Amino acid sequence: MKKILIIAAVAITAMLFPASGAAQFRYGATAGVDFSTLKFKQDLITIDGATGFQAGVMGELMFPGIGFGIDLGLMYSQKGATVHLGERKVWSSLGYTAPRCYLHYIEIPVNLRFKWTRMQGLEEYVAPYVFGGPAVSFLAGHSDIDAINYAFGEIGLQCGIGFEILRRWQIQGSYSWGMTYALKTKLLDDFSAQNRTWSIRATYFF
């Protein structure tokens, strides 16, 4: 966790105070949809995925000529899943069936990215890129399910691919997986779950 926070701090400093005058910084609004589920340590119950959404702002710092850069975001995201607690007597005896578990996060993703910028002018119209890096999330709200304890936040990793259109729009898809647990059940020791999320997002740069 310490290394990830150091990387995030370096990225933020680089974006706010570029070391090179050639570096190009811009920011924009971003929004999208996500398809999430919870990955428990043991397959004791059935988990049904859920559809949520994301929205926020994103900044991009690119170094012309080499195609490498950094992006940093500040976003709200909704994740979750339907948890079939009633499949086990330990919870069905307490009246639980299949509650929907919503998790609301404030996320700070920090990615390294590579964008193809030397395509004989084609990059003015469309330019593919790939990205990956850590994300720190803080829990802002959750479903009221007494059988579950929620973590304060989580640290995850993500990677993805996208296309930049007309130098203004970016459309991307990504997959992220939690490296720390998002929640635990109260009645079973160490029965914890991590987030797994597919996302599709669009960004418009001002």
C-alpha atoms as a PDB file:
ATOM      1  CA  MET A   1       0.000   0.000   0.000  1.00  0.00           C
ATOM      2  CA  LYS A   2       2.852   2.380   0.810  1.00  0.00           C
ATOM      3  CA  LYS A   3       4.361   1.922  -2.659  1.00  0.00           C
ATOM      4  CA  ILE A   4       1.016   2.607  -4.329  1.00  0.00           C
ATOM      5  CA  LEU A   5       0.536   5.812  -2.355  1.00  0.00           C
ATOM      6  CA  ILE A   6       4.044   6.933  -3.328  1.00  0.00           C
ATOM      7  CA  ILE A   7       3.278   6.284  -7.000  1.00  0.00           C
ATOM      8  CA  ALA A   8       0.031   8.265  -6.692  1.00  0.00           C
ATOM      9  CA  ALA A   9       1.837  11.188  -5.019  1.00  0.00           C
ATOM     10  CA  VAL A  10       4.505  11.264  -7.720  1.00  0.00           C
ATOM     11  CA  ALA A  11       1.845  11.151 -10.433  1.00  0.00           C
ATOM     12  CA  ILE A  12      -0.131  14.008  -8.878  1.00  0.00           C
ATOM     13  CA  THR A  13       3.017  16.116  -8.531  1.00  0.00           C
ATOM     14  CA  ALA A  14       3.971  15.432 -12.133  1.00  0.00           C
ATOM     15  CA  MET A  15       0.536  16.463 -13.363  1.00  0.00           C
ATOM     16  CA  LEU A  16       0.387  19.658 -11.345  1.00  0.00           C
ATOM     17  CA  PHE A  17       4.009  20.672 -11.870  1.00  0.00           C
ATOM     18  CA  PRO A  18       5.236  19.188 -15.157  1.00  0.00           C
ATOM     19  CA  ALA A  19       8.994  18.863 -15.260  1.00  0.00           C
ATOM     20  CA  SER A  20       9.101  19.315 -19.010  1.00  0.00           C
ATOM     21  CA  GLY A  21       7.664  22.270 -20.876  1.00  0.00           C
ATOM     22  CA  ALA A  22       6.810  19.894 -23.727  1.00  0.00           C
ATOM     23  CA  ALA A  23       4.422  17.872 -21.571  1.00  0.00           C
ATOM     24  CA  GLN A  24       0.777  18.447 -22.418  1.00  0.00           C
ATOM     25  CA  PHE A  25      -1.810  18.437 -19.633  1.00  0.00           C
ATOM     26  CA  ARG A  26      -5.569  18.496 -20.071  1.00  0.00           C
ATOM     27  CA  TYR A  27      -8.632  17.464 -18.119  1.00  0.00           C
ATOM     28  CA  GLY A  28     -12.231  16.565 -18.788  1.00  0.00           C
ATOM     29  CA  ALA A  29     -15.475  15.003 -17.628  1.00  0.00           C
ATOM     30  CA  THR A  30     -15.893  11.247 -17.631  1.00  0.00           C
ATOM     31  CA  ALA A  31     -18.847   8.887 -17.145  1.00  0.00           C
ATOM     32  CA  GLY A  32     -19.682   5.280 -17.816  1.00  0.00           C
ATOM     33  CA  VAL A  33     -21.250   2.020 -16.784  1.00  0.00           C
ATOM     34  CA  ASP A  34     -19.737  -0.860 -14.839  1.00  0.00           C
ATOM     35  CA  PHE A  35     -20.558  -4.534 -14.431  1.00  0.00           C
ATOM     36  CA  SER A  36     -19.375  -5.731 -11.048  1.00  0.00           C
ATOM     37  CA  THR A  37     -19.412  -8.774  -8.822  1.00  0.00           C
ATOM     38  CA  LEU A  38     -17.918  -9.908  -5.520  1.00  0.00           C
ATOM     39  CA  LYS A  39     -15.269 -12.616  -5.435  1.00  0.00           C
ATOM     40  CA  PHE A  40     -15.377 -14.484  -2.115  1.00  0.00           C
ATOM     41  CA  LYS A  41     -12.489 -16.600  -0.850  1.00  0.00           C
ATOM     42  CA  GLN A  42     -14.681 -19.704  -0.826  1.00  0.00           C
ATOM     43  CA  ASP A  43     -17.571 -20.608  -3.142  1.00  0.00           C
ATOM     44  CA  LEU A  44     -20.096 -21.138  -0.363  1.00  0.00           C
ATOM     45  CA  ILE A  45     -22.957 -19.133  -1.849  1.00  0.00           C
ATOM     46  CA  THR A  46     -24.171 -17.911  -5.230  1.00  0.00           C
ATOM     47  CA  ILE A  47     -23.229 -14.369  -6.261  1.00  0.00           C
ATOM     48  CA  ASP A  48     -25.086 -12.485  -8.996  1.00  0.00           C
ATOM     49  CA  GLY A  49     -23.357  -9.521 -10.574  1.00  0.00           C
ATOM     50  CA  ALA A  50     -24.835  -6.023 -10.744  1.00  0.00           C
ATOM     51  CA  THR A  51     -24.772  -3.053 -13.100  1.00  0.00           C
ATOM     52  CA  GLY A  52     -23.650   0.306 -11.742  1.00  0.00           C
ATOM     53  CA  PHE A  53     -22.241   3.565 -12.997  1.00  0.00           C
ATOM     54  CA  GLN A  54     -19.235   5.899 -12.736  1.00  0.00           C
ATOM     55  CA  ALA A  55     -18.851   9.661 -13.081  1.00  0.00           C
ATOM     56  CA  GLY A  56     -16.168  12.207 -12.325  1.00  0.00           C
ATOM     57  CA  VAL A  57     -13.217  14.115 -13.739  1.00  0.00           C
ATOM     58  CA  MET A  58     -10.014  12.879 -15.342  1.00  0.00           C
ATOM     59  CA  GLY A  59      -6.697  14.541 -16.109  1.00  0.00           C
ATOM     60  CA  GLU A  60      -4.127  13.414 -18.656  1.00  0.00           C
ATOM     61  CA  LEU A  61      -0.443  14.306 -18.914  1.00  0.00           C
ATOM     62  CA  MET A  62       1.181  13.178 -22.176  1.00  0.00           C
ATOM     63  CA  PHE A  63       4.737  13.571 -23.434  1.00  0.00           C
ATOM     64  CA  PRO A  64       4.651  14.256 -27.188  1.00  0.00           C
ATOM     65  CA  GLY A  65       6.854  12.195 -29.439  1.00  0.00           C
ATOM     66  CA  ILE A  66       7.143   9.159 -27.182  1.00  0.00           C
ATOM     67  CA  GLY A  67       3.465   8.347 -26.651  1.00  0.00           C
ATOM     68  CA  PHE A  68       3.776   7.758 -22.904  1.00  0.00           C
ATOM     69  CA  GLY A  69       1.813   9.577 -20.237  1.00  0.00           C
ATOM     70  CA  ILE A  70      -0.120   9.454 -16.990  1.00  0.00           C
ATOM     71  CA  ASP A  71      -3.786   9.810 -16.247  1.00  0.00           C
ATOM     72  CA  LEU A  72      -5.376  10.561 -12.892  1.00  0.00           C
ATOM     73  CA  GLY A  73      -9.058  10.600 -11.960  1.00  0.00           C
ATOM     74  CA  LEU A  74     -11.428  11.496  -9.174  1.00  0.00           C
ATOM     75  CA  MET A  75     -14.655   9.551  -9.562  1.00  0.00           C
ATOM     76  CA  TYR A  76     -17.784   8.319  -7.871  1.00  0.00           C
ATOM     77  CA  SER A  77     -18.628   4.695  -8.627  1.00  0.00           C
ATOM     78  CA  GLN A  78     -21.370   2.291  -7.645  1.00  0.00           C
ATOM     79  CA  LYS A  79     -20.548  -1.407  -7.443  1.00  0.00           C
ATOM     80  CA  GLY A  80     -22.112  -4.437  -5.843  1.00  0.00           C
ATOM     81  CA  ALA A  81     -23.778  -7.809  -6.260  1.00  0.00           C
ATOM     82  CA  THR A  82     -26.712  -9.910  -5.097  1.00  0.00           C
ATOM     83  CA  VAL A  83     -25.513 -12.173  -2.287  1.00  0.00           C
ATOM     84  CA  HIS A  84     -27.555 -15.365  -1.783  1.00  0.00           C
ATOM     85  CA  LEU A  85     -27.010 -15.696   1.957  1.00  0.00           C
ATOM     86  CA  GLY A  86     -30.158 -17.810   2.303  1.00  0.00           C
ATOM     87  CA  GLU A  87     -28.396 -20.768   0.682  1.00  0.00           C
ATOM     88  CA  ARG A  88     -26.642 -21.420   3.979  1.00  0.00           C
ATOM     89  CA  LYS A  89     -28.435 -22.228   7.207  1.00  0.00           C
ATOM     90  CA  VAL A  90     -26.180 -19.935   9.235  1.00  0.00           C
ATOM     91  CA  TRP A  91     -27.951 -16.988   7.520  1.00  0.00           C
ATOM     92  CA  SER A  92     -31.284 -18.473   6.453  1.00  0.00           C
ATOM     93  CA  SER A  93     -32.046 -19.228  10.110  1.00  0.00           C
ATOM     94  CA  LEU A  94     -31.807 -15.479  10.715  1.00  0.00           C
ATOM     95  CA  GLY A  95     -34.200 -14.660   7.894  1.00  0.00           C
ATOM     96  CA  TYR A  96     -31.719 -13.677   5.186  1.00  0.00           C
ATOM     97  CA  THR A  97     -32.556 -14.630   1.598  1.00  0.00           C
ATOM     98  CA  ALA A  98     -30.711 -12.833  -1.236  1.00  0.00           C
ATOM     99  CA  PRO A  99     -29.999  -9.208  -0.305  1.00  0.00           C
ATOM    100  CA  ARG A 100     -28.599  -6.799  -2.871  1.00  0.00           C
ATOM    101  CA  CYS A 101     -25.292  -5.393  -1.665  1.00  0.00           C
ATOM    102  CA  TYR A 102     -24.493  -1.900  -2.984  1.00  0.00           C
ATOM    103  CA  LEU A 103     -21.070  -0.321  -2.511  1.00  0.00           C
ATOM    104  CA  HIS A 104     -20.530   3.383  -3.215  1.00  0.00           C
ATOM    105  CA  TYR A 105     -16.940   4.556  -3.646  1.00  0.00           C
ATOM    106  CA  ILE A 106     -14.894   7.686  -4.214  1.00  0.00           C
ATOM    107  CA  GLU A 107     -12.088   6.436  -6.433  1.00  0.00           C
ATOM    108  CA  ILE A 108      -8.664   7.835  -7.317  1.00  0.00           C
ATOM    109  CA  PRO A 109      -7.199   5.832 -10.217  1.00  0.00           C
ATOM    110  CA  VAL A 110      -3.640   6.503 -11.394  1.00  0.00           C
ATOM    111  CA  ASN A 111      -2.576   4.916 -14.679  1.00  0.00           C
ATOM    112  CA  LEU A 112       0.438   4.776 -16.916  1.00  0.00           C
ATOM    113  CA  ARG A 113      -0.655   4.874 -20.550  1.00  0.00           C
ATOM    114  CA  PHE A 114       0.769   4.488 -24.001  1.00  0.00           C
ATOM    115  CA  LYS A 115      -0.942   6.147 -26.966  1.00  0.00           C
ATOM    116  CA  TRP A 116      -0.093   5.526 -30.610  1.00  0.00           C
ATOM    117  CA  THR A 117       0.637   9.050 -31.853  1.00  0.00           C
ATOM    118  CA  ARG A 118       2.737   8.381 -34.967  1.00  0.00           C
ATOM    119  CA  MET A 119       0.342   7.065 -37.561  1.00  0.00           C
ATOM    120  CA  GLN A 120       1.004   9.459 -40.460  1.00  0.00           C
ATOM    121  CA  GLY A 121      -1.765  11.856 -39.479  1.00  0.00           C
ATOM    122  CA  LEU A 122      -4.381   9.225 -38.683  1.00  0.00           C
ATOM    123  CA  GLU A 123      -3.945  10.018 -34.956  1.00  0.00           C
ATOM    124  CA  GLU A 124      -5.721  13.343 -35.581  1.00  0.00           C
ATOM    125  CA  TYR A 125      -8.903  11.339 -36.107  1.00  0.00           C
ATOM    126  CA  VAL A 126      -8.451   8.163 -34.066  1.00  0.00           C
ATOM    127  CA  ALA A 127      -5.610   6.987 -31.814  1.00  0.00           C
ATOM    128  CA  PRO A 128      -5.619   3.715 -29.811  1.00  0.00           C
ATOM    129  CA  TYR A 129      -4.118   3.543 -26.341  1.00  0.00           C
ATOM    130  CA  VAL A 130      -3.552   1.077 -23.509  1.00  0.00           C
ATOM    131  CA  PHE A 131      -3.297   1.815 -19.797  1.00  0.00           C
ATOM    132  CA  GLY A 132      -2.891   0.235 -16.402  1.00  0.00           C
ATOM    133  CA  GLY A 133      -2.200   1.074 -12.780  1.00  0.00           C
ATOM    134  CA  PRO A 134      -3.500   1.173  -9.207  1.00  0.00           C
ATOM    135  CA  ALA A 135      -6.673   2.720  -7.825  1.00  0.00           C
ATOM    136  CA  VAL A 136      -7.378   3.775  -4.249  1.00  0.00           C
ATOM    137  CA  SER A 137     -11.074   3.736  -3.275  1.00  0.00           C
ATOM    138  CA  PHE A 138     -12.809   5.112  -0.196  1.00  0.00           C
ATOM    139  CA  LEU A 139     -16.183   3.732   0.830  1.00  0.00           C
ATOM    140  CA  ALA A 140     -18.796   6.500   0.789  1.00  0.00           C
ATOM    141  CA  GLY A 141     -21.899   4.384   1.442  1.00  0.00           C
ATOM    142  CA  HIS A 142     -23.275   0.852   1.404  1.00  0.00           C
ATOM    143  CA  SER A 143     -26.381  -1.285   1.793  1.00  0.00           C
ATOM    144  CA  ASP A 144     -27.570  -1.824   5.355  1.00  0.00           C
ATOM    145  CA  ILE A 145     -27.025  -5.577   5.750  1.00  0.00           C
ATOM    146  CA  ASP A 146     -26.413  -6.554   9.375  1.00  0.00           C
ATOM    147  CA  ALA A 147     -24.684  -9.802   8.410  1.00  0.00           C
ATOM    148  CA  ILE A 148     -21.833  -7.944   6.685  1.00  0.00           C
ATOM    149  CA  ASN A 149     -18.957  -5.757   7.840  1.00  0.00           C
ATOM    150  CA  TYR A 150     -17.598  -3.316   5.245  1.00  0.00           C
ATOM    151  CA  ALA A 151     -14.011  -2.193   4.812  1.00  0.00           C
ATOM    152  CA  PHE A 152     -13.214   1.532   4.927  1.00  0.00           C
ATOM    153  CA  GLY A 153     -11.943   1.320   1.361  1.00  0.00           C
ATOM    154  CA  GLU A 154      -9.874  -0.816  -0.954  1.00  0.00           C
ATOM    155  CA  ILE A 155      -6.816  -0.857  -3.174  1.00  0.00           C
ATOM    156  CA  GLY A 156      -7.160  -2.324  -6.634  1.00  0.00           C
ATOM    157  CA  LEU A 157      -5.441  -2.719  -9.977  1.00  0.00           C
ATOM    158  CA  GLN A 158      -6.875  -2.014 -13.405  1.00  0.00           C
ATOM    159  CA  CYS A 159      -5.925  -2.312 -17.049  1.00  0.00           C
ATOM    160  CA  GLY A 160      -7.665  -1.528 -20.289  1.00  0.00           C
ATOM    161  CA  ILE A 161      -7.704  -0.326 -23.864  1.00  0.00           C
ATOM    162  CA  GLY A 162      -9.327   2.653 -25.544  1.00  0.00           C
ATOM    163  CA  PHE A 163      -9.553   4.930 -28.553  1.00  0.00           C
ATOM    164  CA  GLU A 164      -9.167   8.678 -28.768  1.00  0.00           C
ATOM    165  CA  ILE A 165     -11.451  10.311 -31.338  1.00  0.00           C
ATOM    166  CA  LEU A 166     -10.805  13.746 -32.879  1.00  0.00           C
ATOM    167  CA  ARG A 167      -8.421  14.638 -30.021  1.00  0.00           C
ATOM    168  CA  ARG A 168     -11.394  15.341 -27.732  1.00  0.00           C
ATOM    169  CA  TRP A 169     -13.223  12.104 -26.977  1.00  0.00           C
ATOM    170  CA  GLN A 170     -11.892   8.942 -25.413  1.00  0.00           C
ATOM    171  CA  ILE A 171     -13.855   5.674 -25.285  1.00  0.00           C
ATOM    172  CA  GLN A 172     -12.340   2.908 -23.202  1.00  0.00           C
ATOM    173  CA  GLY A 173     -12.983  -0.447 -21.614  1.00  0.00           C
ATOM    174  CA  SER A 174     -11.197  -1.781 -18.543  1.00  0.00           C
ATOM    175  CA  TYR A 175     -11.112  -4.544 -15.972  1.00  0.00           C
ATOM    176  CA  SER A 176     -10.273  -3.972 -12.313  1.00  0.00           C
ATOM    177  CA  TRP A 177      -9.767  -6.332  -9.421  1.00  0.00           C
ATOM    178  CA  GLY A 178      -9.527  -5.559  -5.750  1.00  0.00           C
ATOM    179  CA  MET A 179      -6.284  -6.448  -4.009  1.00  0.00           C
ATOM    180  CA  THR A 180      -7.757  -5.934  -0.539  1.00  0.00           C
ATOM    181  CA  TYR A 181     -11.097  -7.129   0.788  1.00  0.00           C
ATOM    182  CA  ALA A 182     -14.210  -4.992   0.351  1.00  0.00           C
ATOM    183  CA  LEU A 183     -16.396  -6.759   2.930  1.00  0.00           C
ATOM    184  CA  LYS A 184     -16.559  -9.683   5.353  1.00  0.00           C
ATOM    185  CA  THR A 185     -19.416 -11.647   6.866  1.00  0.00           C
ATOM    186  CA  LYS A 186     -19.847 -11.433  10.614  1.00  0.00           C
ATOM    187  CA  LEU A 187     -20.708 -15.049  11.373  1.00  0.00           C
ATOM    188  CA  LEU A 188     -17.979 -16.886   9.415  1.00  0.00           C
ATOM    189  CA  ASP A 189     -14.327 -16.144  10.090  1.00  0.00           C
ATOM    190  CA  ASP A 190     -12.307 -14.927   7.109  1.00  0.00           C
ATOM    191  CA  PHE A 191     -15.215 -15.215   4.639  1.00  0.00           C
ATOM    192  CA  SER A 192     -14.321 -12.065   2.749  1.00  0.00           C
ATOM    193  CA  ALA A 193     -14.837 -10.734  -0.763  1.00  0.00           C
ATOM    194  CA  GLN A 194     -13.033  -8.516  -3.244  1.00  0.00           C
ATOM    195  CA  ASN A 195     -14.516  -6.425  -6.039  1.00  0.00           C
ATOM    196  CA  ARG A 196     -14.242  -7.495  -9.675  1.00  0.00           C
ATOM    197  CA  THR A 197     -15.412  -4.945 -12.242  1.00  0.00           C
ATOM    198  CA  TRP A 198     -15.692  -4.495 -16.001  1.00  0.00           C
ATOM    199  CA  SER A 199     -16.133  -0.859 -17.051  1.00  0.00           C
ATOM    200  CA  ILE A 200     -16.979   1.071 -20.208  1.00  0.00           C
ATOM    201  CA  ARG A 201     -16.392   4.803 -19.991  1.00  0.00           C
ATOM    202  CA  ALA A 202     -16.416   7.914 -22.179  1.00  0.00           C
ATOM    203  CA  THR A 203     -14.383  11.068 -21.490  1.00  0.00           C
ATOM    204  CA  TYR A 204     -14.620  14.500 -23.071  1.00  0.00           C
ATOM    205  CA  PHE A 205     -11.581  16.766 -22.737  1.00  0.00           C
ATOM    206  CA  PHE A 206     -12.101  20.514 -22.544  1.00  0.00           C
END
